[in-house]
PDB file of all heavy atoms in Angstrom:
ATOM      1  N   THR A   1      91.946 -62.751  53.515  1.00  0.00           N
ATOM      2  CA  THR A   1      91.356 -62.575  52.145  1.00  0.00           C
ATOM      3  C   THR A   1      92.029 -61.451  51.323  1.00  0.00           C
ATOM      4  O   THR A   1      92.731 -60.653  51.905  1.00  0.00           O
ATOM      5  CB  THR A   1      89.875 -62.252  52.279  1.00  0.00           C
ATOM      6  OG1 THR A   1      89.709 -60.991  52.900  1.00  0.00           O
ATOM      7  CG2 THR A   1      89.144 -63.299  53.116  1.00  0.00           C
ATOM      8  N   HIS A   2      91.784 -61.538  50.035  1.00  0.00           N
ATOM      9  CA  HIS A   2      92.279 -60.491  49.138  1.00  0.00           C
ATOM     10  C   HIS A   2      91.174 -59.556  48.676  1.00  0.00           C
ATOM     11  O   HIS A   2      91.290 -58.877  47.705  1.00  0.00           O
ATOM     12  CB  HIS A   2      92.964 -61.134  47.917  1.00  0.00           C
ATOM     13  CG  HIS A   2      94.102 -61.951  48.264  1.00  0.00           C
ATOM     14  ND1 HIS A   2      95.285 -61.460  48.716  1.00  0.00           N
ATOM     15  CD2 HIS A   2      94.234 -63.363  48.320  1.00  0.00           C
ATOM     16  CE1 HIS A   2      96.101 -62.483  48.982  1.00  0.00           C
ATOM     17  NE2 HIS A   2      95.555 -63.623  48.750  1.00  0.00           N
ATOM     18  N   THR A   3      90.106 -59.600  49.426  1.00  0.00           N
ATOM     19  CA  THR A   3      88.903 -58.771  49.011  1.00  0.00           C
ATOM     20  C   THR A   3      88.222 -58.311  50.260  1.00  0.00           C
ATOM     21  O   THR A   3      88.394 -58.833  51.340  1.00  0.00           O
ATOM     22  CB  THR A   3      87.954 -59.582  48.096  1.00  0.00           C
ATOM     23  OG1 THR A   3      86.911 -58.770  47.740  1.00  0.00           O
ATOM     24  CG2 THR A   3      87.415 -60.815  48.833  1.00  0.00           C
ATOM     25  N   SER A   4      87.407 -57.285  50.114  1.00  0.00           N
ATOM     26  CA  SER A   4      86.634 -56.766  51.280  1.00  0.00           C
ATOM     27  C   SER A   4      85.185 -57.196  51.258  1.00  0.00           C
ATOM     28  O   SER A   4      84.436 -57.016  52.187  1.00  0.00           O
ATOM     29  CB  SER A   4      86.733 -55.262  51.324  1.00  0.00           C
ATOM     30  OG  SER A   4      86.092 -54.713  50.177  1.00  0.00           O
ATOM     31  N   THR A   5      84.817 -57.889  50.163  1.00  0.00           N
ATOM     32  CA  THR A   5      83.410 -58.399  49.980  1.00  0.00           C
ATOM     33  C   THR A   5      83.437 -59.770  49.386  1.00  0.00           C
ATOM     34  O   THR A   5      84.135 -60.018  48.322  1.00  0.00           O
ATOM     35  CB  THR A   5      82.592 -57.385  49.087  1.00  0.00           C
ATOM     36  OG1 THR A   5      82.744 -56.080  49.545  1.00  0.00           O
ATOM     37  CG2 THR A   5      81.211 -57.793  49.046  1.00  0.00           C
ATOM     38  N   PHE A   6      82.623 -60.654  49.958  1.00  0.00           N
ATOM     39  CA  PHE A   6      82.399 -61.949  49.299  1.00  0.00           C
ATOM     40  C   PHE A   6      81.219 -61.761  48.363  1.00  0.00           C
ATOM     41  O   PHE A   6      80.102 -61.319  48.723  1.00  0.00           O
ATOM     42  CB  PHE A   6      82.015 -63.012  50.355  1.00  0.00           C
ATOM     43  CG  PHE A   6      83.094 -63.373  51.290  1.00  0.00           C
ATOM     44  CD1 PHE A   6      82.891 -63.264  52.639  1.00  0.00           C
ATOM     45  CD2 PHE A   6      84.356 -63.757  50.820  1.00  0.00           C
ATOM     46  CE1 PHE A   6      83.959 -63.664  53.492  1.00  0.00           C
ATOM     47  CE2 PHE A   6      85.360 -64.145  51.690  1.00  0.00           C
ATOM     48  CZ  PHE A   6      85.161 -64.032  53.034  1.00  0.00           C
ATOM     49  N   ARG A   7      81.384 -62.088  47.077  1.00  0.00           N
ATOM     50  CA  ARG A   7      80.326 -62.066  46.066  1.00  0.00           C
ATOM     51  C   ARG A   7      80.359 -63.359  45.242  1.00  0.00           C
ATOM     52  O   ARG A   7      81.422 -63.687  44.625  1.00  0.00           O
ATOM     53  CB  ARG A   7      80.521 -60.907  45.089  1.00  0.00           C
ATOM     54  CG  ARG A   7      80.424 -59.588  45.673  1.00  0.00           C
ATOM     55  CD  ARG A   7      80.776 -58.494  44.690  1.00  0.00           C
ATOM     56  NE  ARG A   7      80.874 -57.205  45.317  1.00  0.00           N
ATOM     57  CZ  ARG A   7      80.096 -56.218  44.974  1.00  0.00           C
ATOM     58  NH1 ARG A   7      79.220 -56.356  44.057  1.00  0.00           N
ATOM     59  NH2 ARG A   7      80.273 -55.051  45.649  1.00  0.00           N
ATOM     60  N   VAL A   8      79.263 -64.132  45.322  1.00  0.00           N
ATOM     61  CA  VAL A   8      79.219 -65.363  44.612  1.00  0.00           C
ATOM     62  C   VAL A   8      77.876 -65.440  43.926  1.00  0.00           C
ATOM     63  O   VAL A   8      76.774 -65.211  44.537  1.00  0.00           O
ATOM     64  CB  VAL A   8      79.277 -66.568  45.662  1.00  0.00           C
ATOM     65  CG1 VAL A   8      79.233 -67.879  44.892  1.00  0.00           C
ATOM     66  CG2 VAL A   8      80.609 -66.440  46.429  1.00  0.00           C
ATOM     67  N   SER A   9      77.875 -65.801  42.613  1.00  0.00           N
ATOM     68  CA  SER A   9      76.651 -66.038  41.868  1.00  0.00           C
ATOM     69  C   SER A   9      76.150 -67.440  42.236  1.00  0.00           C
ATOM     70  O   SER A   9      76.853 -68.400  42.216  1.00  0.00           O
ATOM     71  CB  SER A   9      76.953 -65.936  40.388  1.00  0.00           C
ATOM     72  OG  SER A   9      75.806 -66.243  39.633  1.00  0.00           O
ATOM     73  N   LEU A  10      74.830 -67.492  42.510  1.00  0.00           N
ATOM     74  CA  LEU A  10      74.186 -68.726  43.005  1.00  0.00           C
ATOM     75  C   LEU A  10      73.185 -69.409  42.034  1.00  0.00           C
ATOM     76  O   LEU A  10      72.494 -70.290  42.398  1.00  0.00           O
ATOM     77  CB  LEU A  10      73.598 -68.544  44.388  1.00  0.00           C
ATOM     78  CG  LEU A  10      74.491 -68.047  45.435  1.00  0.00           C
ATOM     79  CD1 LEU A  10      73.809 -67.772  46.751  1.00  0.00           C
ATOM     80  CD2 LEU A  10      75.616 -69.027  45.686  1.00  0.00           C
ATOM     81  N   GLY A  11      73.009 -68.763  40.852  1.00  0.00           N
ATOM     82  CA  GLY A  11      72.056 -69.345  39.878  1.00  0.00           C
ATOM     83  C   GLY A  11      70.679 -68.782  40.099  1.00  0.00           C
ATOM     84  O   GLY A  11      70.398 -67.775  40.807  1.00  0.00           O
ATOM     85  N   SER A  12      69.658 -69.436  39.439  1.00  0.00           N
ATOM     86  CA  SER A  12      68.343 -68.899  39.470  1.00  0.00           C
ATOM     87  C   SER A  12      67.330 -69.725  40.293  1.00  0.00           C
ATOM     88  O   SER A  12      66.213 -69.310  40.469  1.00  0.00           O
ATOM     89  CB  SER A  12      67.781 -68.848  37.998  1.00  0.00           C
ATOM     90  OG  SER A  12      67.791 -70.156  37.431  1.00  0.00           O
ATOM     91  N   ASN A  13      67.732 -70.850  40.865  1.00  0.00           N
ATOM     92  CA  ASN A  13      66.861 -71.627  41.680  1.00  0.00           C
ATOM     93  C   ASN A  13      66.911 -71.092  43.085  1.00  0.00           C
ATOM     94  O   ASN A  13      67.922 -71.131  43.754  1.00  0.00           O
ATOM     95  CB  ASN A  13      67.351 -73.098  41.658  1.00  0.00           C
ATOM     96  CG  ASN A  13      66.410 -74.027  42.447  1.00  0.00           C
ATOM     97  OD1 ASN A  13      65.889 -73.681  43.506  1.00  0.00           O
ATOM     98  ND2 ASN A  13      66.191 -75.167  41.859  1.00  0.00           N
ATOM     99  N   GLN A  14      65.806 -70.614  43.602  1.00  0.00           N
ATOM    100  CA  GLN A  14      65.793 -69.914  44.945  1.00  0.00           C
ATOM    101  C   GLN A  14      66.079 -70.873  46.038  1.00  0.00           C
ATOM    102  O   GLN A  14      66.806 -70.519  46.953  1.00  0.00           O
ATOM    103  CB  GLN A  14      64.363 -69.285  45.165  1.00  0.00           C
ATOM    104  CG  GLN A  14      64.291 -68.534  46.458  1.00  0.00           C
ATOM    105  CD  GLN A  14      62.955 -67.960  46.742  1.00  0.00           C
ATOM    106  OE1 GLN A  14      61.999 -68.279  46.016  1.00  0.00           O
ATOM    107  NE2 GLN A  14      62.887 -67.021  47.687  1.00  0.00           N
ATOM    108  N   LEU A  15      65.617 -72.065  46.029  1.00  0.00           N
ATOM    109  CA  LEU A  15      65.814 -73.070  47.114  1.00  0.00           C
ATOM    110  C   LEU A  15      67.371 -73.372  47.237  1.00  0.00           C
ATOM    111  O   LEU A  15      67.923 -73.398  48.263  1.00  0.00           O
ATOM    112  CB  LEU A  15      65.006 -74.293  46.921  1.00  0.00           C
ATOM    113  CG  LEU A  15      65.114 -75.353  47.991  1.00  0.00           C
ATOM    114  CD1 LEU A  15      64.608 -74.756  49.330  1.00  0.00           C
ATOM    115  CD2 LEU A  15      64.267 -76.531  47.649  1.00  0.00           C
ATOM    116  N   GLU A  16      67.897 -73.684  46.101  1.00  0.00           N
ATOM    117  CA  GLU A  16      69.389 -74.069  46.061  1.00  0.00           C
ATOM    118  C   GLU A  16      70.222 -72.854  46.470  1.00  0.00           C
ATOM    119  O   GLU A  16      71.201 -72.964  47.150  1.00  0.00           O
ATOM    120  CB  GLU A  16      69.805 -74.559  44.674  1.00  0.00           C
ATOM    121  CG  GLU A  16      69.256 -75.926  44.319  1.00  0.00           C
ATOM    122  CD  GLU A  16      69.628 -76.389  42.957  1.00  0.00           C
ATOM    123  OE1 GLU A  16      70.467 -75.740  42.292  1.00  0.00           O
ATOM    124  OE2 GLU A  16      69.057 -77.401  42.489  1.00  0.00           O
ATOM    125  N   ALA A  17      69.851 -71.660  45.984  1.00  0.00           N
ATOM    126  CA  ALA A  17      70.605 -70.457  46.271  1.00  0.00           C
ATOM    127  C   ALA A  17      70.518 -70.195  47.821  1.00  0.00           C
ATOM    128  O   ALA A  17      71.506 -69.771  48.425  1.00  0.00           O
ATOM    129  CB  ALA A  17      70.001 -69.254  45.487  1.00  0.00           C
ATOM    130  N   THR A  18      69.369 -70.301  48.387  1.00  0.00           N
ATOM    131  CA  THR A  18      69.220 -70.013  49.819  1.00  0.00           C
ATOM    132  C   THR A  18      70.068 -71.085  50.639  1.00  0.00           C
ATOM    133  O   THR A  18      70.702 -70.647  51.585  1.00  0.00           O
ATOM    134  CB  THR A  18      67.718 -70.157  50.227  1.00  0.00           C
ATOM    135  OG1 THR A  18      67.009 -69.213  49.459  1.00  0.00           O
ATOM    136  CG2 THR A  18      67.572 -69.875  51.694  1.00  0.00           C
ATOM    137  N   GLN A  19      69.999 -72.327  50.230  1.00  0.00           N
ATOM    138  CA  GLN A  19      70.803 -73.359  50.966  1.00  0.00           C
ATOM    139  C   GLN A  19      72.257 -73.018  50.883  1.00  0.00           C
ATOM    140  O   GLN A  19      73.062 -73.162  51.783  1.00  0.00           O
ATOM    141  CB  GLN A  19      70.531 -74.761  50.468  1.00  0.00           C
ATOM    142  CG  GLN A  19      71.205 -75.793  51.194  1.00  0.00           C
ATOM    143  CD  GLN A  19      70.881 -75.861  52.646  1.00  0.00           C
ATOM    144  OE1 GLN A  19      69.697 -75.777  53.100  1.00  0.00           O
ATOM    145  NE2 GLN A  19      71.913 -75.941  53.478  1.00  0.00           N
ATOM    146  N   THR A  20      72.729 -72.669  49.650  1.00  0.00           N
ATOM    147  CA  THR A  20      74.204 -72.405  49.441  1.00  0.00           C
ATOM    148  C   THR A  20      74.551 -71.163  50.213  1.00  0.00           C
ATOM    149  O   THR A  20      75.641 -71.058  50.804  1.00  0.00           O
ATOM    150  CB  THR A  20      74.446 -72.170  47.978  1.00  0.00           C
ATOM    151  OG1 THR A  20      74.037 -73.324  47.244  1.00  0.00           O
ATOM    152  CG2 THR A  20      75.902 -71.961  47.666  1.00  0.00           C
ATOM    153  N   ALA A  21      73.701 -70.087  50.287  1.00  0.00           N
ATOM    154  CA  ALA A  21      73.926 -68.920  51.091  1.00  0.00           C
ATOM    155  C   ALA A  21      74.141 -69.223  52.573  1.00  0.00           C
ATOM    156  O   ALA A  21      74.998 -68.685  53.181  1.00  0.00           O
ATOM    157  CB  ALA A  21      72.852 -67.880  50.807  1.00  0.00           C
ATOM    158  N   LEU A  22      73.256 -70.105  53.043  1.00  0.00           N
ATOM    159  CA  LEU A  22      73.327 -70.505  54.467  1.00  0.00           C
ATOM    160  C   LEU A  22      74.647 -71.272  54.677  1.00  0.00           C
ATOM    161  O   LEU A  22      75.252 -71.147  55.769  1.00  0.00           O
ATOM    162  CB  LEU A  22      72.113 -71.324  54.802  1.00  0.00           C
ATOM    163  CG  LEU A  22      70.828 -70.547  54.859  1.00  0.00           C
ATOM    164  CD1 LEU A  22      69.657 -71.520  55.107  1.00  0.00           C
ATOM    165  CD2 LEU A  22      70.832 -69.459  55.940  1.00  0.00           C
ATOM    166  N   ASP A  23      75.037 -72.053  53.719  1.00  0.00           N
ATOM    167  CA  ASP A  23      76.326 -72.809  53.937  1.00  0.00           C
ATOM    168  C   ASP A  23      77.506 -71.830  53.930  1.00  0.00           C
ATOM    169  O   ASP A  23      78.436 -71.933  54.745  1.00  0.00           O
ATOM    170  CB  ASP A  23      76.508 -73.821  52.753  1.00  0.00           C
ATOM    171  CG  ASP A  23      75.535 -74.906  52.815  1.00  0.00           C
ATOM    172  OD1 ASP A  23      74.965 -75.180  53.913  1.00  0.00           O
ATOM    173  OD2 ASP A  23      75.401 -75.690  51.774  1.00  0.00           O
ATOM    174  N   PHE A  24      77.485 -70.838  53.053  1.00  0.00           N
ATOM    175  CA  PHE A  24      78.519 -69.752  53.047  1.00  0.00           C
ATOM    176  C   PHE A  24      78.543 -69.004  54.368  1.00  0.00           C
ATOM    177  O   PHE A  24      79.585 -68.775  54.951  1.00  0.00           O
ATOM    178  CB  PHE A  24      78.351 -68.784  51.886  1.00  0.00           C
ATOM    179  CG  PHE A  24      78.851 -69.236  50.590  1.00  0.00           C
ATOM    180  CD1 PHE A  24      78.026 -69.226  49.455  1.00  0.00           C
ATOM    181  CD2 PHE A  24      80.144 -69.627  50.402  1.00  0.00           C
ATOM    182  CE1 PHE A  24      78.463 -69.609  48.256  1.00  0.00           C
ATOM    183  CE2 PHE A  24      80.593 -70.023  49.179  1.00  0.00           C
ATOM    184  CZ  PHE A  24      79.826 -70.041  48.113  1.00  0.00           C
ATOM    185  N   ASN A  25      77.361 -68.632  54.930  1.00  0.00           N
ATOM    186  CA  ASN A  25      77.250 -68.047  56.204  1.00  0.00           C
ATOM    187  C   ASN A  25      77.891 -68.831  57.313  1.00  0.00           C
ATOM    188  O   ASN A  25      78.647 -68.335  58.170  1.00  0.00           O
ATOM    189  CB  ASN A  25      75.797 -67.717  56.585  1.00  0.00           C
ATOM    190  CG  ASN A  25      75.303 -66.445  56.026  1.00  0.00           C
ATOM    191  OD1 ASN A  25      76.022 -65.608  55.598  1.00  0.00           O
ATOM    192  ND2 ASN A  25      74.021 -66.298  56.014  1.00  0.00           N
ATOM    193  N   SER A  26      77.573 -70.116  57.272  1.00  0.00           N
ATOM    194  CA  SER A  26      78.139 -71.007  58.298  1.00  0.00           C
ATOM    195  C   SER A  26      79.656 -71.079  58.221  1.00  0.00           C
ATOM    196  O   SER A  26      80.347 -71.001  59.287  1.00  0.00           O
ATOM    197  CB  SER A  26      77.566 -72.450  58.139  1.00  0.00           C
ATOM    198  OG  SER A  26      78.130 -73.271  59.050  1.00  0.00           O
ATOM    199  N   SER A  27      80.192 -71.118  56.987  1.00  0.00           N
ATOM    200  CA  SER A  27      81.639 -71.142  56.817  1.00  0.00           C
ATOM    201  C   SER A  27      82.329 -69.862  57.250  1.00  0.00           C
ATOM    202  O   SER A  27      83.371 -69.857  57.935  1.00  0.00           O
ATOM    203  CB  SER A  27      81.981 -71.369  55.340  1.00  0.00           C
ATOM    204  OG  SER A  27      81.519 -72.611  54.910  1.00  0.00           O
ATOM    205  N   VAL A  28      81.722 -68.716  56.909  1.00  0.00           N
ATOM    206  CA  VAL A  28      82.284 -67.451  57.328  1.00  0.00           C
ATOM    207  C   VAL A  28      82.243 -67.308  58.838  1.00  0.00           C
ATOM    208  O   VAL A  28      83.174 -66.864  59.510  1.00  0.00           O
ATOM    209  CB  VAL A  28      81.586 -66.247  56.671  1.00  0.00           C
ATOM    210  CG1 VAL A  28      82.005 -64.910  57.253  1.00  0.00           C
ATOM    211  CG2 VAL A  28      81.833 -66.308  55.168  1.00  0.00           C
TER     212      VAL A  28
END
């Protein structure tokens, strides 16, 4: 990677943001 931190904006919907965060965790 070219960064030391992953930072991604996920919007304002809590359910969608949580699901996307779990997907990112799985990928990492």
